[in-house]
């Protein structure tokens, strides 16, 4: 849970921003 608490807030903002863009490559980066 210490790792989850660190990893989730570290990755989600980037993944969310990529997914929110309409760019296909960025969406793929967000999913990956």
ModelCIF file with pLDDT and N, C-alpha, C, O atoms, coordinates in Angstrom:
data_MODEL
#
_entry.id   MODEL 
#
_entity.id                         1 
_entity.type                       polymer 
_entity.pdbx_number_of_molecules   1 
#
_entity_poly.entity_id                      1 
_entity_poly.type                           'polypeptide(L)' 
_entity_poly.nstd_linkage                   no 
_entity_poly.nstd_monomer                   no 
_entity_poly.pdbx_seq_one_letter_code       
;(UNK)(UNK)(UNK)(UNK)(UNK)(UNK)(UNK)(UNK)(UNK)(UNK)(UNK)(UNK)(UNK)(UNK)(UNK)(UNK)
(UNK)(UNK)(UNK)(UNK)(UNK)(UNK)(UNK)(UNK)(UNK)(UNK)(UNK)(UNK)(UNK)(UNK)(UNK)(UNK)
;
_entity_poly.pdbx_seq_one_letter_code_can   XXXXXXXXXXXXXXXXXXXXXXXXXXXXXXXX 
_entity_poly.pdbx_strand_id                 A 
#
loop_
_entity_poly_seq.entity_id 
_entity_poly_seq.num 
_entity_poly_seq.mon_id 
_entity_poly_seq.hetero 
1 1  UNK n 
1 2  UNK n 
1 3  UNK n 
1 4  UNK n 
1 5  UNK n 
1 6  UNK n 
1 7  UNK n 
1 8  UNK n 
1 9  UNK n 
1 10 UNK n 
1 11 UNK n 
1 12 UNK n 
1 13 UNK n 
1 14 UNK n 
1 15 UNK n 
1 16 UNK n 
1 17 UNK n 
1 18 UNK n 
1 19 UNK n 
1 20 UNK n 
1 21 UNK n 
1 22 UNK n 
1 23 UNK n 
1 24 UNK n 
1 25 UNK n 
1 26 UNK n 
1 27 UNK n 
1 28 UNK n 
1 29 UNK n 
1 30 UNK n 
1 31 UNK n 
1 32 UNK n 
#
_struct_asym.id          A 
_struct_asym.entity_id   1 
#
loop_
_ma_qa_metric.id 
_ma_qa_metric.mode 
_ma_qa_metric.name 
_ma_qa_metric.software_group_id 
_ma_qa_metric.type 
1 global pLDDT . pLDDT 
2 local  pLDDT . pLDDT 
#
_ma_qa_metric_global.metric_id      1 
_ma_qa_metric_global.metric_value   89.56 
_ma_qa_metric_global.model_id       1 
_ma_qa_metric_global.ordinal_id     1 
#
loop_
_ma_qa_metric_local.label_asym_id 
_ma_qa_metric_local.label_comp_id 
_ma_qa_metric_local.label_seq_id 
_ma_qa_metric_local.metric_id 
_ma_qa_metric_local.metric_value 
_ma_qa_metric_local.model_id 
_ma_qa_metric_local.ordinal_id 
A UNK 1  2 93.00 1 1  
A UNK 2  2 91.00 1 2  
A UNK 3  2 91.00 1 3  
A UNK 4  2 93.00 1 4  
A UNK 5  2 93.00 1 5  
A UNK 6  2 92.00 1 6  
A UNK 7  2 92.00 1 7  
A UNK 8  2 94.00 1 8  
A UNK 9  2 94.00 1 9  
A UNK 10 2 92.00 1 10 
A UNK 11 2 92.00 1 11 
A UNK 12 2 93.00 1 12 
A UNK 13 2 92.00 1 13 
A UNK 14 2 89.00 1 14 
A UNK 15 2 90.00 1 15 
A UNK 16 2 90.00 1 16 
A UNK 17 2 88.00 1 17 
A UNK 18 2 88.00 1 18 
A UNK 19 2 88.00 1 19 
A UNK 20 2 87.00 1 20 
A UNK 21 2 84.00 1 21 
A UNK 22 2 79.00 1 22 
A UNK 23 2 82.00 1 23 
A UNK 24 2 86.00 1 24 
A UNK 25 2 86.00 1 25 
A UNK 26 2 86.00 1 26 
A UNK 27 2 89.00 1 27 
A UNK 28 2 91.00 1 28 
A UNK 29 2 88.00 1 29 
A UNK 30 2 89.00 1 30 
A UNK 31 2 92.00 1 31 
A UNK 32 2 92.00 1 32 
#
loop_
_atom_site.group_PDB 
_atom_site.id 
_atom_site.type_symbol 
_atom_site.label_atom_id 
_atom_site.label_alt_id 
_atom_site.label_comp_id 
_atom_site.label_asym_id 
_atom_site.label_entity_id 
_atom_site.label_seq_id 
_atom_site.pdbx_PDB_ins_code 
_atom_site.Cartn_x 
_atom_site.Cartn_y 
_atom_site.Cartn_z 
_atom_site.occupancy 
_atom_site.B_iso_or_equiv 
_atom_site.pdbx_formal_charge 
_atom_site.auth_seq_id 
_atom_site.auth_comp_id 
_atom_site.auth_asym_id 
_atom_site.auth_atom_id 
_atom_site.pdbx_PDB_model_num 
ATOM 1   N N  . UNK A 1 1  ? 0.827  -1.209 0.000   1.00 93.00 ? 1  UNK A N  1 
ATOM 2   C CA . UNK A 1 1  ? 0.000  0.000  0.000   1.00 93.00 ? 1  UNK A CA 1 
ATOM 3   C C  . UNK A 1 1  ? 0.863  1.261  0.000   1.00 93.00 ? 1  UNK A C  1 
ATOM 4   O O  . UNK A 1 1  ? 0.425  2.314  -0.464  1.00 93.00 ? 1  UNK A O  1 
ATOM 5   N N  . UNK A 1 2  ? 2.086  1.158  0.518   1.00 91.00 ? 2  UNK A N  1 
ATOM 6   C CA . UNK A 1 2  ? 3.023  2.289  0.416   1.00 91.00 ? 2  UNK A CA 1 
ATOM 7   C C  . UNK A 1 2  ? 3.428  2.482  -1.045  1.00 91.00 ? 2  UNK A C  1 
ATOM 8   O O  . UNK A 1 2  ? 3.568  3.610  -1.519  1.00 91.00 ? 2  UNK A O  1 
ATOM 9   N N  . UNK A 1 3  ? 3.614  1.374  -1.743  1.00 91.00 ? 3  UNK A N  1 
ATOM 10  C CA . UNK A 1 3  ? 3.971  1.467  -3.164  1.00 91.00 ? 3  UNK A CA 1 
ATOM 11  C C  . UNK A 1 3  ? 2.787  1.989  -3.972  1.00 91.00 ? 3  UNK A C  1 
ATOM 12  O O  . UNK A 1 3  ? 2.955  2.851  -4.835  1.00 91.00 ? 3  UNK A O  1 
ATOM 13  N N  . UNK A 1 4  ? 1.593  1.471  -3.696  1.00 93.00 ? 4  UNK A N  1 
ATOM 14  C CA . UNK A 1 4  ? 0.402  1.955  -4.401  1.00 93.00 ? 4  UNK A CA 1 
ATOM 15  C C  . UNK A 1 4  ? 0.235  3.457  -4.188  1.00 93.00 ? 4  UNK A C  1 
ATOM 16  O O  . UNK A 1 4  ? -0.073 4.202  -5.119  1.00 93.00 ? 4  UNK A O  1 
ATOM 17  N N  . UNK A 1 5  ? 0.447  3.890  -2.930  1.00 93.00 ? 5  UNK A N  1 
ATOM 18  C CA . UNK A 1 5  ? 0.271  5.317  -2.602  1.00 93.00 ? 5  UNK A CA 1 
ATOM 19  C C  . UNK A 1 5  ? 1.266  6.189  -3.356  1.00 93.00 ? 5  UNK A C  1 
ATOM 20  O O  . UNK A 1 5  ? 0.988  7.361  -3.611  1.00 93.00 ? 5  UNK A O  1 
ATOM 21  N N  . UNK A 1 6  ? 2.400  5.644  -3.712  1.00 92.00 ? 6  UNK A N  1 
ATOM 22  C CA . UNK A 1 6  ? 3.418  6.386  -4.453  1.00 92.00 ? 6  UNK A CA 1 
ATOM 23  C C  . UNK A 1 6  ? 3.184  6.287  -5.960  1.00 92.00 ? 6  UNK A C  1 
ATOM 24  O O  . UNK A 1 6  ? 3.241  7.298  -6.660  1.00 92.00 ? 6  UNK A O  1 
ATOM 25  N N  . UNK A 1 7  ? 2.926  5.094  -6.460  1.00 92.00 ? 7  UNK A N  1 
ATOM 26  C CA . UNK A 1 7  ? 2.873  4.873  -7.909  1.00 92.00 ? 7  UNK A CA 1 
ATOM 27  C C  . UNK A 1 7  ? 1.629  5.467  -8.555  1.00 92.00 ? 7  UNK A C  1 
ATOM 28  O O  . UNK A 1 7  ? 1.711  6.042  -9.641  1.00 92.00 ? 7  UNK A O  1 
ATOM 29  N N  . UNK A 1 8  ? 0.488  5.335  -7.906  1.00 94.00 ? 8  UNK A N  1 
ATOM 30  C CA . UNK A 1 8  ? -0.764 5.798  -8.519  1.00 94.00 ? 8  UNK A CA 1 
ATOM 31  C C  . UNK A 1 8  ? -0.746 7.313  -8.768  1.00 94.00 ? 8  UNK A C  1 
ATOM 32  O O  . UNK A 1 8  ? -1.006 7.740  -9.893  1.00 94.00 ? 8  UNK A O  1 
ATOM 33  N N  . UNK A 1 9  ? -0.443 8.151  -7.736  1.00 94.00 ? 9  UNK A N  1 
ATOM 34  C CA . UNK A 1 9  ? -0.409 9.601  -8.014  1.00 94.00 ? 9  UNK A CA 1 
ATOM 35  C C  . UNK A 1 9  ? 0.749  10.009 -8.920  1.00 94.00 ? 9  UNK A C  1 
ATOM 36  O O  . UNK A 1 9  ? 0.711  11.085 -9.516  1.00 94.00 ? 9  UNK A O  1 
ATOM 37  N N  . UNK A 1 10 ? 1.766  9.179  -9.034  1.00 92.00 ? 10 UNK A N  1 
ATOM 38  C CA . UNK A 1 10 ? 2.883  9.519  -9.923  1.00 92.00 ? 10 UNK A CA 1 
ATOM 39  C C  . UNK A 1 10 ? 2.528  9.289  -11.383 1.00 92.00 ? 10 UNK A C  1 
ATOM 40  O O  . UNK A 1 10 ? 3.003  10.033 -12.241 1.00 92.00 ? 10 UNK A O  1 
ATOM 41  N N  . UNK A 1 11 ? 1.703  8.280  -11.702 1.00 92.00 ? 11 UNK A N  1 
ATOM 42  C CA . UNK A 1 11 ? 1.401  7.920  -13.088 1.00 92.00 ? 11 UNK A CA 1 
ATOM 43  C C  . UNK A 1 11 ? 0.077  8.508  -13.578 1.00 92.00 ? 11 UNK A C  1 
ATOM 44  O O  . UNK A 1 11 ? -0.021 8.912  -14.737 1.00 92.00 ? 11 UNK A O  1 
ATOM 45  N N  . UNK A 1 12 ? -0.940 8.563  -12.718 1.00 93.00 ? 12 UNK A N  1 
ATOM 46  C CA . UNK A 1 12 ? -2.282 8.944  -13.170 1.00 93.00 ? 12 UNK A CA 1 
ATOM 47  C C  . UNK A 1 12 ? -2.362 10.323 -13.831 1.00 93.00 ? 12 UNK A C  1 
ATOM 48  O O  . UNK A 1 12 ? -3.032 10.453 -14.855 1.00 93.00 ? 12 UNK A O  1 
ATOM 49  N N  . UNK A 1 13 ? -1.700 11.373 -13.282 1.00 92.00 ? 13 UNK A N  1 
ATOM 50  C CA . UNK A 1 13 ? -1.831 12.683 -13.955 1.00 92.00 ? 13 UNK A CA 1 
ATOM 51  C C  . UNK A 1 13 ? -1.354 12.639 -15.407 1.00 92.00 ? 13 UNK A C  1 
ATOM 52  O O  . UNK A 1 13 ? -2.009 13.181 -16.298 1.00 92.00 ? 13 UNK A O  1 
ATOM 53  N N  . UNK A 1 14 ? -0.206 11.988 -15.641 1.00 89.00 ? 14 UNK A N  1 
ATOM 54  C CA . UNK A 1 14 ? 0.313  11.891 -17.010 1.00 89.00 ? 14 UNK A CA 1 
ATOM 55  C C  . UNK A 1 14 ? -0.632 11.064 -17.869 1.00 89.00 ? 14 UNK A C  1 
ATOM 56  O O  . UNK A 1 14 ? -0.960 11.463 -18.986 1.00 89.00 ? 14 UNK A O  1 
ATOM 57  N N  . UNK A 1 15 ? -1.078 9.904  -17.356 1.00 90.00 ? 15 UNK A N  1 
ATOM 58  C CA . UNK A 1 15 ? -1.967 9.043  -18.131 1.00 90.00 ? 15 UNK A CA 1 
ATOM 59  C C  . UNK A 1 15 ? -3.286 9.746  -18.414 1.00 90.00 ? 15 UNK A C  1 
ATOM 60  O O  . UNK A 1 15 ? -3.818 9.652  -19.520 1.00 90.00 ? 15 UNK A O  1 
ATOM 61  N N  . UNK A 1 16 ? -3.811 10.444 -17.426 1.00 90.00 ? 16 UNK A N  1 
ATOM 62  C CA . UNK A 1 16 ? -5.080 11.153 -17.618 1.00 90.00 ? 16 UNK A CA 1 
ATOM 63  C C  . UNK A 1 16 ? -4.966 12.263 -18.648 1.00 90.00 ? 16 UNK A C  1 
ATOM 64  O O  . UNK A 1 16 ? -5.869 12.455 -19.462 1.00 90.00 ? 16 UNK A O  1 
ATOM 65  N N  . UNK A 1 17 ? -3.857 12.995 -18.614 1.00 88.00 ? 17 UNK A N  1 
ATOM 66  C CA . UNK A 1 17 ? -3.664 14.087 -19.571 1.00 88.00 ? 17 UNK A CA 1 
ATOM 67  C C  . UNK A 1 17 ? -3.527 13.545 -20.998 1.00 88.00 ? 17 UNK A C  1 
ATOM 68  O O  . UNK A 1 17 ? -4.056 14.123 -21.948 1.00 88.00 ? 17 UNK A O  1 
ATOM 69  N N  . UNK A 1 18 ? -2.807 12.422 -21.131 1.00 88.00 ? 18 UNK A N  1 
ATOM 70  C CA . UNK A 1 18 ? -2.640 11.817 -22.460 1.00 88.00 ? 18 UNK A CA 1 
ATOM 71  C C  . UNK A 1 18 ? -3.971 11.299 -22.984 1.00 88.00 ? 18 UNK A C  1 
ATOM 72  O O  . UNK A 1 18 ? -4.286 11.467 -24.162 1.00 88.00 ? 18 UNK A O  1 
ATOM 73  N N  . UNK A 1 19 ? -4.760 10.665 -22.105 1.00 88.00 ? 19 UNK A N  1 
ATOM 74  C CA . UNK A 1 19 ? -6.041 10.123 -22.518 1.00 88.00 ? 19 UNK A CA 1 
ATOM 75  C C  . UNK A 1 19 ? -7.027 11.236 -22.849 1.00 88.00 ? 19 UNK A C  1 
ATOM 76  O O  . UNK A 1 19 ? -7.897 11.073 -23.705 1.00 88.00 ? 19 UNK A O  1 
ATOM 77  N N  . UNK A 1 20 ? -6.883 12.362 -22.168 1.00 87.00 ? 20 UNK A N  1 
ATOM 78  C CA . UNK A 1 20 ? -7.814 13.481 -22.397 1.00 87.00 ? 20 UNK A CA 1 
ATOM 79  C C  . UNK A 1 20 ? -7.565 14.168 -23.733 1.00 87.00 ? 20 UNK A C  1 
ATOM 80  O O  . UNK A 1 20 ? -8.473 14.783 -24.293 1.00 87.00 ? 20 UNK A O  1 
ATOM 81  N N  . UNK A 1 21 ? -6.349 14.068 -24.245 1.00 84.00 ? 21 UNK A N  1 
ATOM 82  C CA . UNK A 1 21 ? -6.055 14.651 -25.554 1.00 84.00 ? 21 UNK A CA 1 
ATOM 83  C C  . UNK A 1 21 ? -6.708 13.798 -26.637 1.00 84.00 ? 21 UNK A C  1 
ATOM 84  O O  . UNK A 1 21 ? -6.994 12.623 -26.403 1.00 84.00 ? 21 UNK A O  1 
ATOM 85  N N  . UNK A 1 22 ? -6.932 14.329 -27.737 1.00 79.00 ? 22 UNK A N  1 
ATOM 86  C CA . UNK A 1 22 ? -7.576 13.595 -28.836 1.00 79.00 ? 22 UNK A CA 1 
ATOM 87  C C  . UNK A 1 22 ? -6.570 12.960 -29.774 1.00 79.00 ? 22 UNK A C  1 
ATOM 88  O O  . UNK A 1 22 ? -6.926 12.407 -30.815 1.00 79.00 ? 22 UNK A O  1 
ATOM 89  N N  . UNK A 1 23 ? -5.274 13.052 -29.378 1.00 82.00 ? 23 UNK A N  1 
ATOM 90  C CA . UNK A 1 23 ? -4.205 12.510 -30.218 1.00 82.00 ? 23 UNK A CA 1 
ATOM 91  C C  . UNK A 1 23 ? -4.098 10.992 -30.018 1.00 82.00 ? 23 UNK A C  1 
ATOM 92  O O  . UNK A 1 23 ? -4.088 10.490 -28.895 1.00 82.00 ? 23 UNK A O  1 
ATOM 93  N N  . UNK A 1 24 ? -4.019 10.290 -31.141 1.00 86.00 ? 24 UNK A N  1 
ATOM 94  C CA . UNK A 1 24 ? -3.986 8.814  -31.078 1.00 86.00 ? 24 UNK A CA 1 
ATOM 95  C C  . UNK A 1 24 ? -2.738 8.296  -30.373 1.00 86.00 ? 24 UNK A C  1 
ATOM 96  O O  . UNK A 1 24 ? -2.813 7.352  -29.586 1.00 86.00 ? 24 UNK A O  1 
ATOM 97  N N  . UNK A 1 25 ? -1.591 8.911  -30.652 1.00 86.00 ? 25 UNK A N  1 
ATOM 98  C CA . UNK A 1 25 ? -0.334 8.464  -30.032 1.00 86.00 ? 25 UNK A CA 1 
ATOM 99  C C  . UNK A 1 25 ? -0.351 8.726  -28.539 1.00 86.00 ? 25 UNK A C  1 
ATOM 100 O O  . UNK A 1 25 ? 0.060  7.884  -27.741 1.00 86.00 ? 25 UNK A O  1 
ATOM 101 N N  . UNK A 1 26 ? -0.836 9.917  -28.170 1.00 86.00 ? 26 UNK A N  1 
ATOM 102 C CA . UNK A 1 26 ? -0.883 10.242 -26.742 1.00 86.00 ? 26 UNK A CA 1 
ATOM 103 C C  . UNK A 1 26 ? -1.862 9.329  -26.001 1.00 86.00 ? 26 UNK A C  1 
ATOM 104 O O  . UNK A 1 26 ? -1.629 8.935  -24.858 1.00 86.00 ? 26 UNK A O  1 
ATOM 105 N N  . UNK A 1 27 ? -2.952 9.008  -26.677 1.00 89.00 ? 27 UNK A N  1 
ATOM 106 C CA . UNK A 1 27 ? -3.912 8.079  -26.061 1.00 89.00 ? 27 UNK A CA 1 
ATOM 107 C C  . UNK A 1 27 ? -3.249 6.715  -25.815 1.00 89.00 ? 27 UNK A C  1 
ATOM 108 O O  . UNK A 1 27 ? -3.431 6.105  -24.761 1.00 89.00 ? 27 UNK A O  1 
ATOM 109 N N  . UNK A 1 28 ? -2.488 6.256  -26.794 1.00 91.00 ? 28 UNK A N  1 
ATOM 110 C CA . UNK A 1 28 ? -1.772 4.982  -26.635 1.00 91.00 ? 28 UNK A CA 1 
ATOM 111 C C  . UNK A 1 28 ? -0.781 5.064  -25.476 1.00 91.00 ? 28 UNK A C  1 
ATOM 112 O O  . UNK A 1 28 ? -0.647 4.119  -24.699 1.00 91.00 ? 28 UNK A O  1 
ATOM 113 N N  . UNK A 1 29 ? -0.081 6.209  -25.362 1.00 88.00 ? 29 UNK A N  1 
ATOM 114 C CA . UNK A 1 29 ? 0.865  6.396  -24.251 1.00 88.00 ? 29 UNK A CA 1 
ATOM 115 C C  . UNK A 1 29 ? 0.125  6.354  -22.921 1.00 88.00 ? 29 UNK A C  1 
ATOM 116 O O  . UNK A 1 29 ? 0.603  5.764  -21.952 1.00 88.00 ? 29 UNK A O  1 
ATOM 117 N N  . UNK A 1 30 ? -1.059 6.993  -22.882 1.00 89.00 ? 30 UNK A N  1 
ATOM 118 C CA . UNK A 1 30 ? -1.849 6.980  -21.651 1.00 89.00 ? 30 UNK A CA 1 
ATOM 119 C C  . UNK A 1 30 ? -2.279 5.579  -21.255 1.00 89.00 ? 30 UNK A C  1 
ATOM 120 O O  . UNK A 1 30 ? -2.200 5.187  -20.090 1.00 89.00 ? 30 UNK A O  1 
ATOM 121 N N  . UNK A 1 31 ? -2.745 4.817  -22.278 1.00 92.00 ? 31 UNK A N  1 
ATOM 122 C CA . UNK A 1 31 ? -3.176 3.437  -21.989 1.00 92.00 ? 31 UNK A CA 1 
ATOM 123 C C  . UNK A 1 31 ? -2.000 2.589  -21.521 1.00 92.00 ? 31 UNK A C  1 
ATOM 124 O O  . UNK A 1 31 ? -2.103 1.839  -20.550 1.00 92.00 ? 31 UNK A O  1 
ATOM 125 N N  . UNK A 1 32 ? -0.867 2.723  -22.237 1.00 92.00 ? 32 UNK A N  1 
ATOM 126 C CA . UNK A 1 32 ? 0.313  1.949  -21.839 1.00 92.00 ? 32 UNK A CA 1 
ATOM 127 C C  . UNK A 1 32 ? 0.798  2.338  -20.448 1.00 92.00 ? 32 UNK A C  1 
ATOM 128 O O  . UNK A 1 32 ? 1.781  1.783  -19.960 1.00 92.00 ? 32 UNK A O  1 
#
